[in-house]
Amino acid sequence: MAAKKRKKTKKRGVSLERVLGIVMAVLVAGVLIWLVGTSPWGRSLFRKLPGEIQRVFTGGPLVPIATGYGIDVSRYQETIDWSQVKTINYNIMTRRQGAEEKSAHAEIEFVFAKATEGANYEDPQITYNRDGIRKAGLSYGAYHVLTFADTTKQAKNFIRVAKLRKGDFVPVIDMETSMLGGTFNAKVEKTLRGVANALEKRYGQKPIIYCPTILVTELRKKEWAKDYTLWIPHYSAITRPSGADFWQFSDKGTVDGIPGVVDLDCYYGDRSKLRGLILKK
């Protein structure tokens, strides 16, 4: 029986032509993205896209038009060079709605630094940040992360560490859902009111309440909470959350002098109302 001839198998591999084709495609795509991000016609086309598509395309936040801009920091930003902290960077990752590049830089006016958490915790960077913020000529504010610890002890902890003085922002009470169980129940309300009342008694002005969207609806139902200034985080929205005086619109901002990313905030309302949030004594 004659032996069957074996079929020749083709050697598999990536041809030079295919490699060159991939390289060319990547280069063309890169040039197109650069043109869209930097040219006047590209920016004009870009702004016509729905906000959410813009977010997906850039992977970064849109900087809204607002009365004023700021950031909030804690130990997670490590050692900040406050002499360099001036504006929210404008680049292909961060666009200001309705503004050309030359006028899109959002000047940072205020900074809220984490001071305390619960009855005993002190942010290890608070002294450095407080001194740096003031030296840089920025408006200093401090926030306290609320827990279920004794309310009097929480207020005393904040007062001792934050060292607020005339010309600083009123205190901020930070309601983190991870600390409070994710619902606005009677226990949360009692704790919030206890700390808020203690801080108002000490400083003579109502504190700002940082309230996640999941808790906002229930907070607004409370008659006692109507006069409080609300600071609301919402990263997926392209317009400010309803009722927000301060809007934390991104947790992925870039600012010169700050390692990594930082939370970006803006303020709505007139300047007189903003000045009303500054301590008078």
Protein backbone atom coordinates (compact mmCIF):
# COMPACT_ATOMS: atom_id res chain seq x y z
CA MET A 1 0.00 0.00 0.00
CA ALA A 2 1.45 3.33 -1.09
CA ALA A 3 2.07 5.89 1.67
CA LYS A 4 -0.28 8.88 1.61
CA LYS A 5 1.31 12.23 0.92
CA ARG A 6 1.13 14.56 3.89
CA LYS A 7 -0.46 17.94 3.33
CA LYS A 8 1.87 20.83 3.83
CA THR A 9 0.78 23.05 6.74
CA LYS A 10 1.13 26.77 6.50
CA LYS A 11 3.26 28.43 9.11
CA ARG A 12 1.24 30.73 11.26
CA GLY A 13 2.54 34.10 12.36
CA VAL A 14 2.03 37.84 12.18
CA SER A 15 3.13 39.28 8.88
CA LEU A 16 5.06 42.53 8.58
CA GLU A 17 2.19 44.02 6.58
CA ARG A 18 -0.26 43.30 9.42
CA VAL A 19 2.05 44.88 12.03
CA LEU A 20 2.47 47.99 9.88
CA GLY A 21 -1.29 48.16 9.38
CA ILE A 22 -1.94 48.06 13.14
CA VAL A 23 0.70 50.72 13.79
CA MET A 24 -0.80 53.00 11.14
CA ALA A 25 -4.32 52.52 12.53
CA VAL A 26 -3.15 53.44 16.04
CA LEU A 27 -1.33 56.53 14.75
CA VAL A 28 -4.35 57.70 12.74
CA ALA A 29 -6.65 57.18 15.74
CA GLY A 30 -4.25 59.11 17.96
CA VAL A 31 -4.09 62.03 15.54
CA LEU A 32 -7.89 62.14 15.27
CA ILE A 33 -8.30 62.15 19.06
CA TRP A 34 -5.70 64.89 19.36
CA LEU A 35 -7.47 66.99 16.71
CA VAL A 36 -10.83 66.59 18.43
CA GLY A 37 -9.31 67.54 21.74
CA THR A 38 -7.25 70.56 20.63
CA SER A 39 -8.59 72.13 17.43
CA PRO A 40 -11.40 74.76 17.44
CA TRP A 41 -13.62 72.68 15.13
CA GLY A 42 -12.92 69.61 17.24
CA ARG A 43 -13.96 71.38 20.44
CA SER A 44 -17.07 72.72 18.72
CA LEU A 45 -18.03 69.21 17.56
CA PHE A 46 -17.20 67.77 20.97
CA ARG A 47 -19.51 70.16 22.83
CA LYS A 48 -22.46 69.07 20.70
CA LEU A 49 -22.24 65.54 22.06
CA PRO A 50 -24.48 64.62 25.02
CA GLY A 51 -22.74 65.09 28.36
CA GLU A 52 -22.58 61.42 29.22
CA ILE A 53 -20.94 60.59 25.87
CA GLN A 54 -18.39 63.31 26.55
CA ARG A 55 -17.64 61.72 29.91
CA VAL A 56 -17.17 58.28 28.39
CA PHE A 57 -15.00 59.70 25.62
CA THR A 58 -12.69 61.68 27.89
CA GLY A 59 -12.75 59.46 30.95
CA GLY A 60 -12.74 62.59 33.07
CA PRO A 61 -15.02 65.24 34.55
CA LEU A 62 -16.70 68.16 32.86
CA VAL A 63 -16.12 71.31 34.85
CA PRO A 64 -19.48 73.08 35.18
CA ILE A 65 -20.07 76.80 35.05
CA ALA A 66 -20.58 77.92 38.65
CA THR A 67 -20.04 80.82 41.07
CA GLY A 68 -16.81 79.47 42.56
CA TYR A 69 -14.56 76.41 42.61
CA GLY A 70 -12.68 74.45 45.22
CA ILE A 71 -11.33 71.08 46.27
CA ASP A 72 -11.46 68.88 49.34
CA VAL A 73 -8.48 66.97 50.65
CA SER A 74 -7.37 64.52 53.31
CA ARG A 75 -4.39 62.29 54.06
CA TYR A 76 -5.10 60.41 50.82
CA GLN A 77 -3.65 63.31 48.82
CA GLU A 78 -0.39 62.81 50.73
CA THR A 79 1.94 65.84 50.86
CA ILE A 80 0.53 68.70 48.80
CA ASP A 81 2.64 71.54 47.45
CA TRP A 82 0.16 74.31 48.28
CA SER A 83 2.20 76.94 46.45
CA GLN A 84 1.27 75.18 43.20
CA VAL A 85 -2.46 74.78 43.90
CA LYS A 86 -4.15 77.42 41.76
CA THR A 87 -6.52 76.02 39.14
CA ILE A 88 -8.36 72.89 38.09
CA ASN A 89 -6.36 71.71 35.11
CA TYR A 90 -7.86 72.00 31.65
CA ASN A 91 -6.92 69.19 29.32
CA ILE A 92 -8.55 66.54 27.18
CA MET A 93 -9.58 64.79 30.38
CA THR A 94 -11.26 67.82 31.98
CA ARG A 95 -13.45 70.17 29.98
CA ARG A 96 -15.32 73.25 31.08
CA GLN A 97 -18.83 73.35 29.65
CA GLY A 98 -19.44 76.20 27.25
CA ALA A 99 -15.96 77.71 27.41
CA GLU A 100 -13.00 77.83 25.10
CA GLU A 101 -9.65 76.55 26.31
CA LYS A 102 -8.22 80.02 26.91
CA SER A 103 -10.92 80.83 29.48
CA ALA A 104 -11.59 77.34 30.79
CA HIS A 105 -9.24 77.28 33.75
CA ALA A 106 -11.33 77.17 36.91
CA GLU A 107 -9.56 79.12 39.64
CA ILE A 108 -9.52 77.39 43.02
CA GLU A 109 -10.85 79.69 45.74
CA PHE A 110 -11.59 77.39 48.66
CA VAL A 111 -10.33 74.15 50.17
CA PHE A 112 -12.03 71.89 52.69
CA ALA A 113 -9.61 69.65 54.57
CA LYS A 114 -10.55 66.63 56.61
CA ALA A 115 -9.96 67.38 60.27
CA THR A 116 -11.60 64.64 62.29
CA GLU A 117 -13.74 61.53 62.37
CA GLY A 118 -15.85 60.40 65.30
CA ALA A 119 -14.81 61.19 68.86
CA ASN A 120 -11.05 60.58 68.63
CA TYR A 121 -9.64 60.37 65.10
CA GLU A 122 -7.51 63.21 63.72
CA ASP A 123 -6.43 63.32 60.09
CA PRO A 124 -2.61 63.18 60.14
CA GLN A 125 -2.33 65.84 57.42
CA ILE A 126 -4.69 68.43 58.91
CA THR A 127 -2.08 70.70 60.49
CA TYR A 128 0.09 70.68 57.37
CA ASN A 129 -2.91 71.23 55.10
CA ARG A 130 -4.44 73.98 57.24
CA ASP A 131 -1.18 75.94 57.36
CA GLY A 132 -0.55 75.42 53.64
CA ILE A 133 -4.05 76.47 52.60
CA ARG A 134 -3.87 79.69 54.58
CA LYS A 135 -0.35 80.51 53.40
CA ALA A 136 -1.46 80.01 49.78
CA GLY A 137 -4.19 82.61 50.26
CA LEU A 138 -7.04 80.14 49.78
CA SER A 139 -10.19 80.08 51.91
CA TYR A 140 -9.82 77.35 54.52
CA GLY A 141 -12.61 75.06 55.62
CA ALA A 142 -12.56 71.81 57.61
CA TYR A 143 -14.86 68.82 57.74
CA HIS A 144 -15.76 66.21 60.32
CA VAL A 145 -16.82 62.68 59.34
CA LEU A 146 -19.89 61.78 61.37
CA THR A 147 -20.06 58.50 63.29
CA PHE A 148 -22.39 57.16 65.99
CA ALA A 149 -19.99 58.15 68.76
CA ASP A 150 -21.08 60.55 71.51
CA THR A 151 -22.11 63.82 69.82
CA THR A 152 -20.53 66.11 72.40
CA LYS A 153 -17.21 64.29 72.11
CA GLN A 154 -17.39 64.46 68.30
CA ALA A 155 -17.94 68.22 68.35
CA LYS A 156 -15.12 68.75 70.86
CA ASN A 157 -12.78 66.63 68.75
CA PHE A 158 -13.48 68.76 65.68
CA ILE A 159 -13.18 72.09 67.51
CA ARG A 160 -9.85 71.04 69.03
CA VAL A 161 -8.32 69.84 65.77
CA ALA A 162 -9.81 72.08 63.06
CA LYS A 163 -8.80 75.31 64.82
CA LEU A 164 -11.24 77.43 62.83
CA ARG A 165 -11.03 81.18 63.23
CA LYS A 166 -12.66 84.32 61.88
CA GLY A 167 -12.43 84.35 58.07
CA ASP A 168 -12.54 80.55 57.70
CA PHE A 169 -15.54 78.62 56.43
CA VAL A 170 -18.15 77.36 58.86
CA PRO A 171 -17.67 73.70 59.88
CA VAL A 172 -18.73 70.88 57.58
CA ILE A 173 -20.39 67.69 58.83
CA ASP A 174 -19.64 64.85 56.43
CA MET A 175 -22.34 62.16 56.34
CA GLU A 176 -20.61 59.16 54.79
CA THR A 177 -22.98 56.28 54.06
CA SER A 178 -20.26 53.77 54.95
CA MET A 179 -20.25 55.19 58.49
CA LEU A 180 -23.99 55.56 58.90
CA GLY A 181 -25.42 52.41 57.36
CA GLY A 182 -26.76 53.92 54.15
CA THR A 183 -30.18 55.07 55.43
CA PHE A 184 -31.41 58.24 57.08
CA ASN A 185 -33.04 56.72 60.14
CA ALA A 186 -33.86 58.10 63.59
CA LYS A 187 -30.41 57.25 64.94
CA VAL A 188 -28.67 59.08 62.10
CA GLU A 189 -30.95 62.10 62.52
CA LYS A 190 -30.36 62.29 66.27
CA THR A 191 -26.58 62.06 65.83
CA LEU A 192 -26.48 64.66 63.06
CA ARG A 193 -28.64 67.12 65.01
CA GLY A 194 -26.55 66.63 68.14
CA VAL A 195 -23.25 67.45 66.42
CA ALA A 196 -24.79 70.25 64.32
CA ASN A 197 -26.28 71.94 67.36
CA ALA A 198 -23.02 71.67 69.32
CA LEU A 199 -21.03 73.23 66.47
CA GLU A 200 -23.58 76.00 65.92
CA LYS A 201 -23.46 76.83 69.63
CA ARG A 202 -19.65 77.07 69.49
CA TYR A 203 -19.32 79.09 66.27
CA GLY A 204 -22.60 81.00 66.19
CA GLN A 205 -23.39 79.85 62.64
CA LYS A 206 -24.94 76.72 61.18
CA PRO A 207 -22.53 74.16 59.73
CA ILE A 208 -22.61 72.92 56.14
CA ILE A 209 -23.94 69.38 55.71
CA TYR A 210 -22.23 67.09 53.18
CA CYS A 211 -24.98 64.67 52.25
CA PRO A 212 -24.81 61.81 49.68
CA THR A 213 -27.75 61.63 47.27
CA ILE A 214 -29.04 58.44 48.91
CA LEU A 215 -29.70 60.43 52.11
CA VAL A 216 -30.75 63.80 50.67
CA THR A 217 -34.45 63.07 50.12
CA GLU A 218 -35.07 62.09 53.73
CA LEU A 219 -32.98 64.97 55.09
CA ARG A 220 -35.01 67.49 53.10
CA LYS A 221 -38.22 66.24 54.68
CA LYS A 222 -37.03 67.44 58.08
CA GLU A 223 -38.28 70.89 59.03
CA TRP A 224 -35.21 71.58 61.19
CA ALA A 225 -32.84 70.97 58.24
CA LYS A 226 -34.35 73.51 55.81
CA ASP A 227 -31.90 76.30 56.57
CA TYR A 228 -28.74 74.24 56.27
CA THR A 229 -26.36 74.65 53.35
CA LEU A 230 -26.08 71.33 51.49
CA TRP A 231 -22.99 69.94 49.81
CA ILE A 232 -23.95 67.03 47.57
CA PRO A 233 -21.63 64.62 45.72
CA HIS A 234 -22.80 63.34 42.35
CA TYR A 235 -20.24 62.24 39.76
CA SER A 236 -22.47 60.92 36.97
CA ALA A 237 -24.65 64.03 36.67
CA ILE A 238 -23.90 66.76 34.12
CA THR A 239 -25.92 69.38 35.99
CA ARG A 240 -25.90 70.07 39.70
CA PRO A 241 -28.10 67.92 41.94
CA SER A 242 -31.36 69.57 42.90
CA GLY A 243 -30.96 71.77 45.96
CA ALA A 244 -27.18 71.53 46.13
CA ASP A 245 -25.39 74.69 47.26
CA PHE A 246 -22.03 72.96 46.85
CA TRP A 247 -21.66 70.20 44.27
CA GLN A 248 -18.82 67.69 44.45
CA PHE A 249 -18.86 66.92 40.75
CA SER A 250 -15.80 64.68 40.43
CA ASP A 251 -13.42 62.53 42.43
CA LYS A 252 -10.89 62.38 39.60
CA GLY A 253 -9.68 65.93 39.25
CA THR A 254 -6.09 66.92 38.57
CA VAL A 255 -4.49 69.97 40.15
CA ASP A 256 -0.87 71.05 40.04
CA GLY A 257 0.86 70.40 43.34
CA ILE A 258 -1.37 67.46 44.30
CA PRO A 259 -0.15 63.88 43.78
CA GLY A 260 -2.76 61.72 42.07
CA VAL A 261 -6.40 62.75 41.84
CA VAL A 262 -8.52 64.99 44.05
CA ASP A 263 -12.22 65.77 44.62
CA LEU A 264 -13.51 68.78 42.68
CA ASP A 265 -16.23 71.05 44.04
CA CYS A 266 -18.17 74.09 42.91
CA TYR A 267 -20.52 76.55 44.57
CA TYR A 268 -23.85 77.90 43.32
CA GLY A 269 -25.60 81.03 44.49
CA ASP A 270 -24.51 84.63 44.69
CA ARG A 271 -21.34 85.89 46.30
CA SER A 272 -23.16 87.39 49.27
CA LYS A 273 -24.48 83.96 50.25
CA LEU A 274 -21.01 82.48 49.92
CA ARG A 275 -19.62 85.22 52.17
CA GLY A 276 -22.36 84.33 54.65
CA LEU A 277 -20.65 80.95 55.11
CA ILE A 278 -17.51 82.61 56.45
CA LEU A 279 -17.05 82.72 60.22
CA LYS A 280 -17.62 86.17 61.66
CA LYS A 281 -15.90 85.59 64.99
